[in-house]
Amino acid sequence: MESVTLFGLTVAQFEDLSLKFFLTALIAYMFFIIWNLAKESRAGKTGTAVLFFALGTGMFGFMAKSVIAKVLGIE
């Protein structure tokens, strides 16, 4: 049985590459949204830091999960 290829990659390789690229783009867009929210609400330096800390914690947890799994060899 031949493996299905898409753009010269297997389906699993394409999915892995797409997930990493689009998830990175989504996280960058979320940081832009947080920055824009802080700017529009005139939060100041402390308020901006609190917004980034509070709203960015979830994204950090998601990224840390994959790093921890790779370090422990759980993948």
N, C-alpha and C. Protein backbone atom coordinates (compact mmCIF):
# COMPACT_ATOMS: atom_id res chain seq x y z
N MET A 1 0.84 -1.18 0.00
CA MET A 1 0.00 0.00 0.00
C MET A 1 0.89 1.25 0.00
N GLU A 2 0.62 2.14 -0.90
CA GLU A 2 1.39 3.37 -0.99
C GLU A 2 0.87 4.39 0.01
N SER A 3 1.80 5.17 0.58
CA SER A 3 1.37 6.22 1.49
C SER A 3 0.93 7.43 0.68
N VAL A 4 -0.08 8.09 1.15
CA VAL A 4 -0.62 9.27 0.48
C VAL A 4 0.31 10.44 0.76
N THR A 5 0.65 11.19 -0.28
CA THR A 5 1.50 12.36 -0.09
C THR A 5 0.75 13.63 -0.48
N LEU A 6 1.10 14.69 0.19
CA LEU A 6 0.51 16.00 -0.06
C LEU A 6 1.65 17.00 -0.06
N PHE A 7 1.90 17.64 -1.20
CA PHE A 7 3.03 18.56 -1.36
C PHE A 7 4.35 17.87 -1.07
N GLY A 8 4.46 16.60 -1.40
CA GLY A 8 5.69 15.85 -1.18
C GLY A 8 5.87 15.35 0.24
N LEU A 9 4.89 15.54 1.09
CA LEU A 9 4.95 15.09 2.48
C LEU A 9 3.88 14.04 2.72
N THR A 10 4.12 13.18 3.68
CA THR A 10 3.05 12.26 4.07
C THR A 10 1.99 13.07 4.81
N VAL A 11 0.84 12.48 4.99
CA VAL A 11 -0.25 13.19 5.67
C VAL A 11 0.15 13.56 7.09
N ALA A 12 0.81 12.64 7.79
CA ALA A 12 1.23 12.92 9.17
C ALA A 12 2.24 14.07 9.23
N GLN A 13 3.19 14.08 8.30
CA GLN A 13 4.17 15.16 8.27
C GLN A 13 3.51 16.50 7.95
N PHE A 14 2.57 16.49 7.01
CA PHE A 14 1.86 17.71 6.64
C PHE A 14 1.03 18.23 7.81
N GLU A 15 0.35 17.33 8.53
CA GLU A 15 -0.45 17.74 9.68
C GLU A 15 0.43 18.34 10.77
N ASP A 16 1.57 17.71 11.04
CA ASP A 16 2.48 18.21 12.07
C ASP A 16 3.02 19.59 11.71
N LEU A 17 3.43 19.76 10.47
CA LEU A 17 3.94 21.05 10.00
C LEU A 17 2.86 22.12 10.02
N SER A 18 1.67 21.78 9.58
CA SER A 18 0.56 22.74 9.57
C SER A 18 0.17 23.16 10.98
N LEU A 19 0.14 22.19 11.91
CA LEU A 19 -0.21 22.50 13.29
C LEU A 19 0.79 23.48 13.89
N LYS A 20 2.07 23.22 13.69
CA LYS A 20 3.09 24.11 14.26
C LYS A 20 3.01 25.51 13.65
N PHE A 21 2.84 25.60 12.34
CA PHE A 21 2.80 26.90 11.68
C PHE A 21 1.55 27.69 12.07
N PHE A 22 0.38 27.08 11.93
CA PHE A 22 -0.86 27.81 12.18
C PHE A 22 -1.09 28.09 13.66
N LEU A 23 -0.62 27.21 14.54
CA LEU A 23 -0.74 27.48 15.96
C LEU A 23 0.16 28.64 16.36
N THR A 24 1.34 28.71 15.78
CA THR A 24 2.24 29.84 16.04
C THR A 24 1.61 31.15 15.55
N ALA A 25 1.00 31.10 14.37
CA ALA A 25 0.33 32.29 13.84
C ALA A 25 -0.84 32.70 14.72
N LEU A 26 -1.59 31.74 15.22
CA LEU A 26 -2.73 32.03 16.10
C LEU A 26 -2.27 32.65 17.41
N ILE A 27 -1.20 32.14 17.98
CA ILE A 27 -0.67 32.70 19.23
C ILE A 27 -0.16 34.12 19.01
N ALA A 28 0.51 34.36 17.90
CA ALA A 28 0.97 35.72 17.58
C ALA A 28 -0.21 36.67 17.43
N TYR A 29 -1.28 36.21 16.80
CA TYR A 29 -2.48 37.03 16.63
C TYR A 29 -3.13 37.31 17.99
N MET A 30 -3.13 36.33 18.90
CA MET A 30 -3.69 36.55 20.24
C MET A 30 -2.88 37.59 21.01
N PHE A 31 -1.55 37.56 20.85
CA PHE A 31 -0.73 38.59 21.50
C PHE A 31 -1.03 39.97 20.92
N PHE A 32 -1.27 40.05 19.62
CA PHE A 32 -1.67 41.32 19.02
C PHE A 32 -3.00 41.79 19.60
N ILE A 33 -3.95 40.89 19.79
CA ILE A 33 -5.25 41.25 20.36
C ILE A 33 -5.08 41.79 21.77
N ILE A 34 -4.24 41.13 22.59
CA ILE A 34 -4.01 41.60 23.96
C ILE A 34 -3.37 42.98 23.94
N TRP A 35 -2.38 43.19 23.06
CA TRP A 35 -1.71 44.49 22.97
C TRP A 35 -2.71 45.57 22.54
N ASN A 36 -3.55 45.26 21.56
CA ASN A 36 -4.54 46.22 21.09
C ASN A 36 -5.56 46.54 22.18
N LEU A 37 -5.95 45.53 22.94
CA LEU A 37 -6.88 45.74 24.06
C LEU A 37 -6.27 46.67 25.09
N ALA A 38 -5.00 46.47 25.41
CA ALA A 38 -4.32 47.34 26.37
C ALA A 38 -4.20 48.76 25.84
N LYS A 39 -3.91 48.90 24.55
CA LYS A 39 -3.76 50.23 23.96
C LYS A 39 -5.09 50.97 23.93
N GLU A 40 -6.15 50.30 23.51
CA GLU A 40 -7.45 50.95 23.38
C GLU A 40 -8.05 51.30 24.74
N SER A 41 -7.73 50.52 25.77
CA SER A 41 -8.28 50.81 27.09
C SER A 41 -7.38 51.75 27.89
N ARG A 42 -6.25 52.15 27.30
CA ARG A 42 -5.28 53.03 27.96
C ARG A 42 -4.87 52.46 29.32
N ALA A 43 -4.45 51.21 29.29
CA ALA A 43 -4.16 50.48 30.52
C ALA A 43 -2.88 50.94 31.21
N GLY A 44 -1.97 51.57 30.52
CA GLY A 44 -0.70 51.96 31.13
C GLY A 44 0.25 50.77 31.16
N LYS A 45 1.44 51.02 31.71
CA LYS A 45 2.45 49.96 31.72
C LYS A 45 2.06 48.80 32.63
N THR A 46 1.59 49.12 33.82
CA THR A 46 1.22 48.07 34.76
C THR A 46 0.01 47.29 34.27
N GLY A 47 -0.98 47.98 33.78
CA GLY A 47 -2.17 47.31 33.26
C GLY A 47 -1.87 46.43 32.07
N THR A 48 -0.98 46.90 31.20
CA THR A 48 -0.58 46.10 30.04
C THR A 48 0.15 44.85 30.50
N ALA A 49 1.03 44.99 31.48
CA ALA A 49 1.75 43.82 32.01
C ALA A 49 0.78 42.82 32.63
N VAL A 50 -0.21 43.32 33.36
CA VAL A 50 -1.20 42.43 33.97
C VAL A 50 -2.02 41.72 32.90
N LEU A 51 -2.42 42.44 31.86
CA LEU A 51 -3.17 41.82 30.77
C LEU A 51 -2.36 40.72 30.09
N PHE A 52 -1.10 41.03 29.77
CA PHE A 52 -0.27 40.02 29.12
C PHE A 52 -0.03 38.82 30.03
N PHE A 53 0.17 39.08 31.33
CA PHE A 53 0.40 37.96 32.25
C PHE A 53 -0.86 37.11 32.39
N ALA A 54 -1.98 37.75 32.64
CA ALA A 54 -3.22 37.00 32.88
C ALA A 54 -3.71 36.26 31.64
N LEU A 55 -3.72 36.95 30.51
CA LEU A 55 -4.26 36.33 29.29
C LEU A 55 -3.21 35.47 28.58
N GLY A 56 -1.94 35.74 28.81
CA GLY A 56 -0.90 34.95 28.17
C GLY A 56 -0.54 33.68 28.91
N THR A 57 -1.01 33.53 30.14
CA THR A 57 -0.70 32.34 30.93
C THR A 57 -1.24 31.07 30.28
N GLY A 58 -2.43 31.14 29.73
CA GLY A 58 -3.01 29.97 29.07
C GLY A 58 -2.21 29.54 27.86
N MET A 59 -1.76 30.52 27.07
CA MET A 59 -0.93 30.19 25.90
C MET A 59 0.41 29.61 26.33
N PHE A 60 0.98 30.16 27.40
CA PHE A 60 2.25 29.64 27.90
C PHE A 60 2.10 28.20 28.38
N GLY A 61 1.00 27.91 29.05
CA GLY A 61 0.75 26.54 29.51
C GLY A 61 0.65 25.56 28.36
N PHE A 62 -0.01 25.97 27.29
CA PHE A 62 -0.14 25.10 26.13
C PHE A 62 1.21 24.84 25.48
N MET A 63 2.05 25.88 25.39
CA MET A 63 3.38 25.71 24.80
C MET A 63 4.28 24.88 25.71
N ALA A 64 4.17 25.10 27.03
CA ALA A 64 5.00 24.37 27.98
C ALA A 64 4.67 22.88 27.97
N LYS A 65 3.42 22.55 27.70
CA LYS A 65 3.00 21.14 27.67
C LYS A 65 3.80 20.36 26.65
N SER A 66 3.98 20.91 25.47
CA SER A 66 4.73 20.19 24.43
C SER A 66 6.21 20.10 24.76
N VAL A 67 6.76 21.14 25.37
CA VAL A 67 8.18 21.11 25.75
C VAL A 67 8.41 20.06 26.84
N ILE A 68 7.53 20.02 27.84
CA ILE A 68 7.66 19.05 28.92
C ILE A 68 7.52 17.63 28.39
N ALA A 69 6.58 17.41 27.48
CA ALA A 69 6.39 16.09 26.89
C ALA A 69 7.64 15.66 26.12
N LYS A 70 8.26 16.60 25.41
CA LYS A 70 9.46 16.26 24.64
C LYS A 70 10.63 15.95 25.58
N VAL A 71 10.77 16.71 26.66
CA VAL A 71 11.86 16.48 27.61
C VAL A 71 11.70 15.13 28.29
N LEU A 72 10.48 14.78 28.66
CA LEU A 72 10.23 13.51 29.33
C LEU A 72 10.16 12.34 28.37
N GLY A 73 10.14 12.61 27.08
CA GLY A 73 10.08 11.55 26.08
C GLY A 73 8.72 10.88 25.99
N ILE A 74 7.66 11.61 26.28
CA ILE A 74 6.31 11.05 26.30
C ILE A 74 5.66 11.07 24.93
N GLU A 75 6.10 11.91 24.05
CA GLU A 75 5.48 12.08 22.73
C GLU A 75 5.10 10.78 22.20
